[in-house]
Amino acid sequence: MVPGAILKAVDQPSTPIAAVTHANPYPYYATLVAERPLYRDDALGLWVATSATAVRAVMTSELCRVRPAAEPVPKALVGSPAGAIFGQLVRMTDGGTHLRAKLGVSGHLASLDSAKIADHGVACARRLAEELEPARDGGRLADFTFRLPTYIVASVLGFRPEQLPQLADWTLDFVGCLAPTATAERLEGGKVAAARLVEAFVAHTGGAELDSLVANRIGYLSQACEATAGLIGNTLLALGRYPDVLARVTTDRAFLVAVVREVVRHDAPVQNTRRFVAESGTIAGQAMREDDAVLVVLAAANHDPAANADGERFDPLRKERQAFTFSLGAHACPGETLATLITVAGVEQLLASGVQPERLARGVSYRPSANLRIPRFTA
């Protein structure tokens, strides 16, 4: 694959967290992989894992947990419907409870028919495009990318078309309150939205109250929302930066699937995650203490030449691709196929609606975030 236009870094990010929203963080990540595969960043107060070997070791270590032992639910959410949902999400729990719930979630996602998801995707994307006219400006395009995952997932779960706009509103508000930097207003709005989501899903499942099933069905919506919006946006950027890829995608739907899978690796929507050391021990050859925190830079590991030869090259036909974006180990996300199908449906509809990726690539910045790489388009 011809590499196409490559962004040149005009400066270097100051930290791995600042790298998330940098115009081109990948040269910086490459330096970290080569020189600092696992190191202590005293300014951040974190260990930082960047190489494929270090990332794999942290993500599969029995010493690491997905949440701090002393704070299984963020303090700002405790005692609220948002906290009640959070505390039962598979991706936010460990131990026996996690394993039992993970089997249920993974099994349910695996049972979903890909063809049915694709059909719902086409219908929802068309409906949203008609409502929002995303080709008109960047704000409408952003609305489309954030709302589409909720529309499709809720539709696949059996919610009626007239319920989708309200579910999308509640999901966006709920997701907004989960950010560590959420304002008091967003926290309160998210807690109210969480209560409404619980009511809707309890009624939909025929249950009596919030339980693991309801919490994790809501989790399908909330976890797909931002990450898939980022994946749609980053796929549009890739098409804008690689004209030969765009030309082929317009006539070859199967190739678009390959493009999305390479975007997952090459320009990951989830750039990093965190793990917390539950007891002192050695991880990736480094002694760590109980309560240490580790920033796991998934996007850097994706470009590590030990995992992907010539990792800087964008190649949808790459063989034996290794992508860490959806995690691995006990907390590997089972939703990669769903995210891919949603992204394909969204990008196809956006192209059909007149969105021009080459124009988008000329005017892009990124939404403020410590871990999510989500484009903010001006074109």
Protein backbone atom coordinates (compact mmCIF):
# COMPACT_ATOMS: atom_id res chain seq x y z
CA MET A 1 0.00 0.00 0.00
CA VAL A 2 1.34 3.40 -0.96
CA PRO A 3 1.82 5.27 2.34
CA GLY A 4 0.11 8.46 1.17
CA ALA A 5 0.33 11.77 2.98
CA ILE A 6 1.89 11.45 6.43
CA LEU A 7 1.52 14.12 9.09
CA LYS A 8 4.80 15.53 10.30
CA ALA A 9 5.10 16.32 13.97
CA VAL A 10 5.93 19.99 14.47
CA ASP A 11 6.62 19.39 18.13
CA GLN A 12 6.72 16.58 20.62
CA PRO A 13 4.05 15.86 23.24
CA SER A 14 5.13 16.67 26.77
CA THR A 15 3.72 13.47 28.29
CA PRO A 16 2.03 10.24 27.16
CA ILE A 17 -1.27 11.78 28.25
CA ALA A 18 -0.71 14.94 26.22
CA ALA A 19 0.12 12.68 23.27
CA VAL A 20 -3.49 11.50 23.04
CA THR A 21 -4.66 14.74 21.43
CA HIS A 22 -1.43 15.69 19.67
CA ALA A 23 -1.56 16.14 15.89
CA ASN A 24 0.85 13.24 15.39
CA PRO A 25 1.96 11.45 18.56
CA TYR A 26 3.43 8.42 16.84
CA PRO A 27 7.08 9.53 16.46
CA TYR A 28 7.01 10.32 20.19
CA TYR A 29 5.54 6.90 20.95
CA ALA A 30 8.23 5.27 18.82
CA THR A 31 10.91 6.97 20.90
CA LEU A 32 9.28 5.74 24.10
CA VAL A 33 9.05 2.18 22.79
CA ALA A 34 12.72 2.20 21.80
CA GLU A 35 14.13 3.99 24.83
CA ARG A 36 11.59 3.73 27.67
CA PRO A 37 9.48 0.58 27.25
CA LEU A 38 8.54 0.62 30.95
CA TYR A 39 9.45 3.56 33.14
CA ARG A 40 8.40 5.59 36.14
CA ASP A 41 7.04 9.06 35.40
CA ASP A 42 7.32 10.93 38.69
CA ALA A 43 5.56 14.00 37.34
CA LEU A 44 2.49 11.93 36.47
CA GLY A 45 2.88 9.70 39.50
CA LEU A 46 2.55 6.65 37.28
CA TRP A 47 4.45 3.79 35.79
CA VAL A 48 4.19 3.94 32.00
CA ALA A 49 4.19 0.84 29.78
CA THR A 50 4.80 1.55 26.08
CA SER A 51 6.33 -1.49 24.34
CA ALA A 52 4.29 -4.47 23.20
CA THR A 53 6.11 -6.68 25.69
CA ALA A 54 5.50 -4.35 28.64
CA VAL A 55 1.87 -3.69 27.69
CA ARG A 56 1.17 -7.39 27.36
CA ALA A 57 2.84 -8.11 30.70
CA VAL A 58 0.81 -5.47 32.55
CA MET A 59 -2.50 -6.38 30.94
CA THR A 60 -2.11 -10.08 31.75
CA SER A 61 -0.52 -9.74 35.20
CA GLU A 62 -2.41 -11.30 38.09
CA LEU A 63 -1.11 -8.45 40.25
CA CYS A 64 -3.00 -5.79 38.31
CA ARG A 65 -6.60 -4.67 38.64
CA VAL A 66 -8.79 -2.45 36.52
CA ARG A 67 -9.73 -0.18 39.45
CA PRO A 68 -7.90 0.94 42.62
CA ALA A 69 -8.68 -1.42 45.51
CA ALA A 70 -9.75 1.50 47.70
CA GLU A 71 -12.03 3.04 45.07
CA PRO A 72 -13.94 0.43 43.03
CA VAL A 73 -16.40 3.16 42.04
CA PRO A 74 -15.33 6.79 41.49
CA LYS A 75 -16.08 8.80 44.63
CA ALA A 76 -18.15 11.33 42.72
CA LEU A 77 -20.54 8.58 41.60
CA VAL A 78 -20.96 6.62 44.84
CA GLY A 79 -24.57 6.39 45.99
CA SER A 80 -26.01 7.42 42.61
CA PRO A 81 -27.60 5.43 39.77
CA ALA A 82 -24.48 6.15 37.72
CA GLY A 83 -22.33 4.59 40.44
CA ALA A 84 -24.65 1.60 40.71
CA ILE A 85 -24.25 0.93 36.98
CA PHE A 86 -20.50 1.52 37.07
CA GLY A 87 -20.00 -0.92 39.94
CA GLN A 88 -21.52 -3.79 37.97
CA LEU A 89 -19.85 -3.21 34.60
CA VAL A 90 -17.73 -6.17 33.54
CA ARG A 91 -14.94 -3.92 32.34
CA MET A 92 -14.74 -2.22 35.76
CA THR A 93 -14.70 -5.24 38.06
CA ASP A 94 -12.25 -8.01 38.93
CA GLY A 95 -12.31 -11.42 40.56
CA GLY A 96 -15.02 -14.07 40.51
CA THR A 97 -17.83 -11.60 39.93
CA HIS A 98 -16.01 -10.29 36.87
CA LEU A 99 -15.38 -13.73 35.43
CA ARG A 100 -19.01 -14.84 35.74
CA ALA A 101 -20.35 -11.62 34.27
CA LYS A 102 -17.72 -11.61 31.51
CA LEU A 103 -18.87 -15.01 30.31
CA GLY A 104 -22.41 -13.71 30.04
CA VAL A 105 -21.45 -10.52 28.22
CA SER A 106 -19.03 -12.24 25.85
CA GLY A 107 -21.53 -14.97 25.11
CA HIS A 108 -24.30 -12.52 24.40
CA LEU A 109 -22.18 -10.39 22.09
CA ALA A 110 -20.93 -13.48 20.28
CA SER A 111 -24.53 -14.60 19.75
CA LEU A 112 -25.50 -11.41 17.94
CA ASP A 113 -25.88 -12.00 14.22
CA SER A 114 -23.41 -9.90 12.22
CA ALA A 115 -25.78 -9.67 9.27
CA LYS A 116 -28.53 -8.38 11.56
CA ILE A 117 -26.17 -5.81 13.07
CA ALA A 118 -25.18 -4.69 9.58
CA ASP A 119 -28.84 -4.31 8.57
CA HIS A 120 -29.61 -2.25 11.67
CA GLY A 121 -26.45 -0.25 10.98
CA VAL A 122 -27.53 0.68 7.48
CA ALA A 123 -31.02 1.68 8.61
CA CYS A 124 -29.83 3.71 11.61
CA ALA A 125 -27.06 5.44 9.68
CA ARG A 126 -29.48 6.42 6.92
CA ARG A 127 -32.01 7.75 9.44
CA LEU A 128 -29.40 9.80 11.30
CA ALA A 129 -27.97 11.19 8.08
CA GLU A 130 -31.43 12.35 7.03
CA GLU A 131 -32.03 13.95 10.43
CA LEU A 132 -28.63 15.60 10.89
CA GLU A 133 -27.26 16.25 7.39
CA PRO A 134 -23.71 15.58 8.63
CA ALA A 135 -22.01 16.89 5.48
CA ARG A 136 -23.12 20.44 6.32
CA ASP A 137 -20.65 21.16 9.13
CA GLY A 138 -18.35 19.64 11.73
CA GLY A 139 -20.88 19.92 14.53
CA ARG A 140 -23.48 17.88 12.68
CA LEU A 141 -20.84 15.34 11.75
CA ALA A 142 -19.85 15.00 15.41
CA ASP A 143 -23.48 14.47 16.41
CA PHE A 144 -23.74 11.71 13.84
CA THR A 145 -20.61 9.88 15.05
CA PHE A 146 -21.58 10.05 18.73
CA ARG A 147 -25.24 9.12 18.31
CA LEU A 148 -24.87 6.35 15.74
CA PRO A 149 -23.38 3.73 18.12
CA THR A 150 -26.28 4.13 20.55
CA TYR A 151 -28.85 4.00 17.77
CA ILE A 152 -27.42 0.79 16.35
CA VAL A 153 -26.77 -1.02 19.64
CA ALA A 154 -30.16 -0.10 21.10
CA SER A 155 -31.84 -1.13 17.86
CA VAL A 156 -30.06 -4.51 17.89
CA LEU A 157 -31.16 -4.97 21.52
CA GLY A 158 -34.77 -4.55 20.42
CA PHE A 159 -35.65 -0.96 21.32
CA ARG A 160 -38.18 0.72 19.05
CA PRO A 161 -37.08 3.39 16.55
CA GLU A 162 -38.96 6.14 18.40
CA GLN A 163 -36.98 5.35 21.58
CA LEU A 164 -33.56 5.78 20.02
CA PRO A 165 -33.16 9.60 20.18
CA GLN A 166 -33.94 9.71 23.91
CA LEU A 167 -31.68 6.73 24.63
CA ALA A 168 -28.88 8.48 22.76
CA ASP A 169 -29.38 11.67 24.79
CA TRP A 170 -29.30 9.76 28.08
CA THR A 171 -26.26 7.74 27.02
CA LEU A 172 -24.29 10.85 26.08
CA ASP A 173 -25.16 12.49 29.41
CA PHE A 174 -24.24 9.34 31.34
CA VAL A 175 -20.92 9.01 29.54
CA GLY A 176 -20.20 12.68 30.22
CA CYS A 177 -20.44 12.19 33.97
CA LEU A 178 -17.91 9.33 33.97
CA ALA A 179 -14.99 11.55 32.98
CA PRO A 180 -12.69 12.41 35.91
CA THR A 181 -12.84 16.05 34.82
CA ALA A 182 -16.65 16.22 34.71
CA THR A 183 -18.10 19.44 36.08
CA ALA A 184 -20.68 19.41 38.87
CA GLU A 185 -23.37 20.15 36.29
CA ARG A 186 -22.33 17.23 34.08
CA LEU A 187 -22.16 14.93 37.10
CA GLU A 188 -25.69 15.73 38.12
CA GLY A 189 -26.99 15.50 34.56
CA GLY A 190 -25.27 12.15 34.11
CA LYS A 191 -26.73 10.76 37.32
CA VAL A 192 -30.24 11.71 36.21
CA ALA A 193 -29.60 10.17 32.79
CA ALA A 194 -28.31 6.98 34.43
CA ALA A 195 -31.55 6.66 36.39
CA ARG A 196 -33.55 7.05 33.18
CA LEU A 197 -31.45 4.42 31.43
CA VAL A 198 -32.01 2.01 34.31
CA GLU A 199 -35.77 2.56 34.11
CA ALA A 200 -35.78 2.01 30.34
CA PHE A 201 -33.64 -1.13 30.43
CA VAL A 202 -35.43 -2.67 33.42
CA ALA A 203 -38.73 -2.22 31.59
CA HIS A 204 -37.22 -3.54 28.37
CA THR A 205 -35.77 -6.70 29.97
CA GLY A 206 -38.86 -7.34 32.08
CA GLY A 207 -36.87 -7.22 35.31
CA ALA A 208 -37.67 -5.56 38.60
CA GLU A 209 -34.48 -3.61 39.37
CA LEU A 210 -30.94 -2.86 38.31
CA ASP A 211 -28.86 -6.03 38.14
CA SER A 212 -25.74 -7.17 36.29
CA LEU A 213 -27.73 -7.91 33.12
CA VAL A 214 -29.25 -4.43 33.01
CA ALA A 215 -26.02 -2.67 33.97
CA ASN A 216 -24.02 -4.39 31.25
CA ARG A 217 -26.69 -3.84 28.59
CA ILE A 218 -26.45 -0.14 29.45
CA GLY A 219 -22.68 -0.65 29.29
CA TYR A 220 -23.01 -1.76 25.66
CA LEU A 221 -24.32 1.72 24.86
CA SER A 222 -21.99 3.76 27.04
CA GLN A 223 -18.81 1.88 26.14
CA ALA A 224 -19.56 1.96 22.41
CA CYS A 225 -20.37 5.66 22.36
CA GLU A 226 -17.08 7.56 22.52
CA ALA A 227 -14.67 4.87 21.35
CA THR A 228 -16.70 4.13 18.23
CA ALA A 229 -17.17 7.83 17.53
CA GLY A 230 -13.37 8.06 17.60
CA LEU A 231 -13.04 5.07 15.32
CA ILE A 232 -15.45 6.57 12.78
CA GLY A 233 -13.61 9.88 12.87
CA ASN A 234 -10.16 8.35 12.61
CA THR A 235 -11.30 6.18 9.71
CA LEU A 236 -12.50 9.28 7.87
CA LEU A 237 -9.10 10.88 8.50
CA ALA A 238 -7.29 7.84 7.14
CA LEU A 239 -9.40 7.98 3.99
CA GLY A 240 -8.60 11.67 3.65
CA ARG A 241 -4.87 11.12 4.07
CA TYR A 242 -4.55 8.11 1.76
CA PRO A 243 -6.23 8.87 -1.59
CA ASP A 244 -5.57 5.40 -3.01
CA VAL A 245 -7.36 3.83 -0.04
CA LEU A 246 -10.33 6.17 -0.46
CA ALA A 247 -10.55 5.39 -4.17
CA ARG A 248 -10.72 1.66 -3.51
CA VAL A 249 -13.19 1.95 -0.59
CA THR A 250 -15.76 3.69 -2.79
CA THR A 251 -16.18 0.52 -4.86
CA ASP A 252 -15.17 -2.24 -2.43
CA ARG A 253 -17.12 -2.55 0.83
CA ALA A 254 -15.08 -5.53 1.99
CA PHE A 255 -11.96 -3.39 1.76
CA LEU A 256 -13.52 -0.83 4.10
CA VAL A 257 -13.66 -3.51 6.80
CA ALA A 258 -9.91 -4.03 6.36
CA VAL A 259 -9.35 -0.27 6.52
CA VAL A 260 -11.24 0.02 9.80
CA ARG A 261 -9.25 -2.83 11.33
CA GLU A 262 -6.01 -1.12 10.38
CA VAL A 263 -7.24 2.19 11.81
CA VAL A 264 -7.89 0.36 15.09
CA ARG A 265 -4.15 -0.37 15.16
CA HIS A 266 -2.64 2.60 13.37
CA ASP A 267 -4.63 5.51 14.87
CA ALA A 268 -6.34 3.95 17.87
CA PRO A 269 -9.45 5.66 19.27
CA VAL A 270 -8.45 4.37 22.72
CA GLN A 271 -4.84 5.44 23.16
CA ASN A 272 -4.24 4.31 26.73
CA THR A 273 -5.81 2.72 29.76
CA ARG A 274 -4.76 2.19 33.38
CA ARG A 275 -4.09 -0.69 35.68
CA PHE A 276 -3.61 -0.68 39.46
CA VAL A 277 -1.24 -2.92 41.38
CA ALA A 278 -3.15 -4.88 44.02
CA GLU A 279 -0.12 -6.35 45.77
CA SER A 280 3.62 -5.81 45.58
CA GLY A 281 5.51 -7.92 43.07
CA THR A 282 7.36 -7.92 39.77
CA ILE A 283 5.72 -6.96 36.48
CA ALA A 284 7.65 -7.05 33.20
CA GLY A 285 10.87 -7.37 35.21
CA GLN A 286 10.13 -4.29 37.29
CA ALA A 287 9.42 -4.36 41.03
CA MET A 288 6.18 -2.53 41.78
CA ARG A 289 4.42 -1.78 45.03
CA GLU A 290 0.85 -2.19 46.13
CA ASP A 291 -1.29 0.78 45.02
CA ASP A 292 1.09 1.74 42.20
CA ALA A 293 -0.73 2.78 39.03
CA VAL A 294 0.35 1.97 35.48
CA LEU A 295 -0.51 3.96 32.37
CA VAL A 296 -0.73 1.37 29.60
CA VAL A 297 -0.06 3.09 26.27
CA LEU A 298 -1.92 0.83 23.86
CA ALA A 299 -1.31 3.08 20.86
CA ALA A 300 2.47 2.93 21.34
CA ALA A 301 2.41 -0.88 21.54
CA ASN A 302 0.37 -0.96 18.32
CA HIS A 303 3.30 0.67 16.52
CA ASP A 304 6.02 -1.37 18.21
CA PRO A 305 8.01 -3.09 15.42
CA ALA A 306 8.23 -6.16 17.64
CA ALA A 307 4.45 -6.52 17.26
CA ASN A 308 3.92 -5.08 13.76
CA ALA A 309 6.75 -4.84 11.26
CA ASP A 310 6.99 -1.35 9.73
CA GLY A 311 4.31 -0.26 12.17
CA GLU A 312 4.25 3.36 10.98
CA ARG A 313 2.98 2.25 7.58
CA PHE A 314 -0.79 2.31 7.09
CA ASP A 315 -1.60 -1.00 5.42
CA PRO A 316 -5.16 -2.39 5.41
CA LEU A 317 -3.80 -5.61 3.89
CA ARG A 318 -1.32 -6.10 6.74
CA LYS A 319 -0.87 -9.74 7.65
CA GLU A 320 -0.71 -10.98 11.24
CA ARG A 321 -1.77 -7.62 12.60
CA GLN A 322 -1.47 -7.19 16.36
CA ALA A 323 -3.65 -4.48 17.86
CA PHE A 324 -3.82 -3.80 21.58
CA THR A 325 -6.58 -1.19 21.30
CA PHE A 326 -9.35 -3.44 22.58
CA SER A 327 -7.08 -4.66 25.38
CA LEU A 328 -6.20 -8.28 26.17
CA GLY A 329 -6.23 -10.67 29.06
CA ALA A 330 -9.17 -10.86 31.47
CA HIS A 331 -10.40 -7.41 30.43
CA ALA A 332 -10.14 -7.82 26.67
CA CYS A 333 -13.12 -6.02 25.15
CA PRO A 334 -15.49 -8.43 23.37
CA GLY A 335 -17.03 -5.61 21.33
CA GLU A 336 -14.44 -5.20 18.56
CA THR A 337 -16.62 -6.83 15.90
CA LEU A 338 -19.58 -4.69 16.90
CA ALA A 339 -17.48 -1.50 16.79
CA THR A 340 -16.16 -2.44 13.35
CA LEU A 341 -19.64 -3.06 11.94
CA ILE A 342 -20.94 0.23 13.36
CA THR A 343 -17.98 2.11 11.91
CA VAL A 344 -18.39 0.54 8.47
CA ALA A 345 -22.09 1.45 8.42
CA GLY A 346 -21.35 5.00 9.55
CA VAL A 347 -18.50 5.68 7.15
CA GLU A 348 -20.41 4.25 4.19
CA GLN A 349 -23.38 6.49 4.91
CA LEU A 350 -21.22 9.56 5.48
CA LEU A 351 -19.49 9.05 2.14
CA ALA A 352 -22.87 8.58 0.45
CA SER A 353 -24.12 11.75 2.15
CA GLY A 354 -21.38 13.85 0.62
CA VAL A 355 -18.81 13.99 3.43
CA GLN A 356 -15.39 14.55 1.84
CA PRO A 357 -12.60 12.91 3.89
CA GLU A 358 -9.85 14.83 2.09
CA ARG A 359 -11.39 18.11 3.28
CA LEU A 360 -11.79 16.83 6.83
CA ALA A 361 -8.10 15.92 6.96
CA ARG A 362 -7.17 19.56 6.33
CA GLY A 363 -9.00 20.90 9.37
CA VAL A 364 -8.88 18.66 12.41
CA SER A 365 -8.11 18.94 16.09
CA TYR A 366 -8.97 16.55 18.91
CA ARG A 367 -11.49 16.64 21.73
CA PRO A 368 -9.82 17.13 25.13
CA SER A 369 -9.27 13.71 26.69
CA ALA A 370 -6.68 11.80 28.69
CA ASN A 371 -7.20 8.56 26.80
CA LEU A 372 -9.58 8.88 23.83
CA ARG A 373 -8.47 10.14 20.42
CA ILE A 374 -11.61 11.63 18.90
CA PRO A 375 -11.31 14.06 15.98
CA ARG A 376 -13.06 17.41 16.06
CA PHE A 377 -13.61 18.51 12.47
CA THR A 378 -13.92 22.10 11.29
CA ALA A 379 -14.62 21.38 7.62
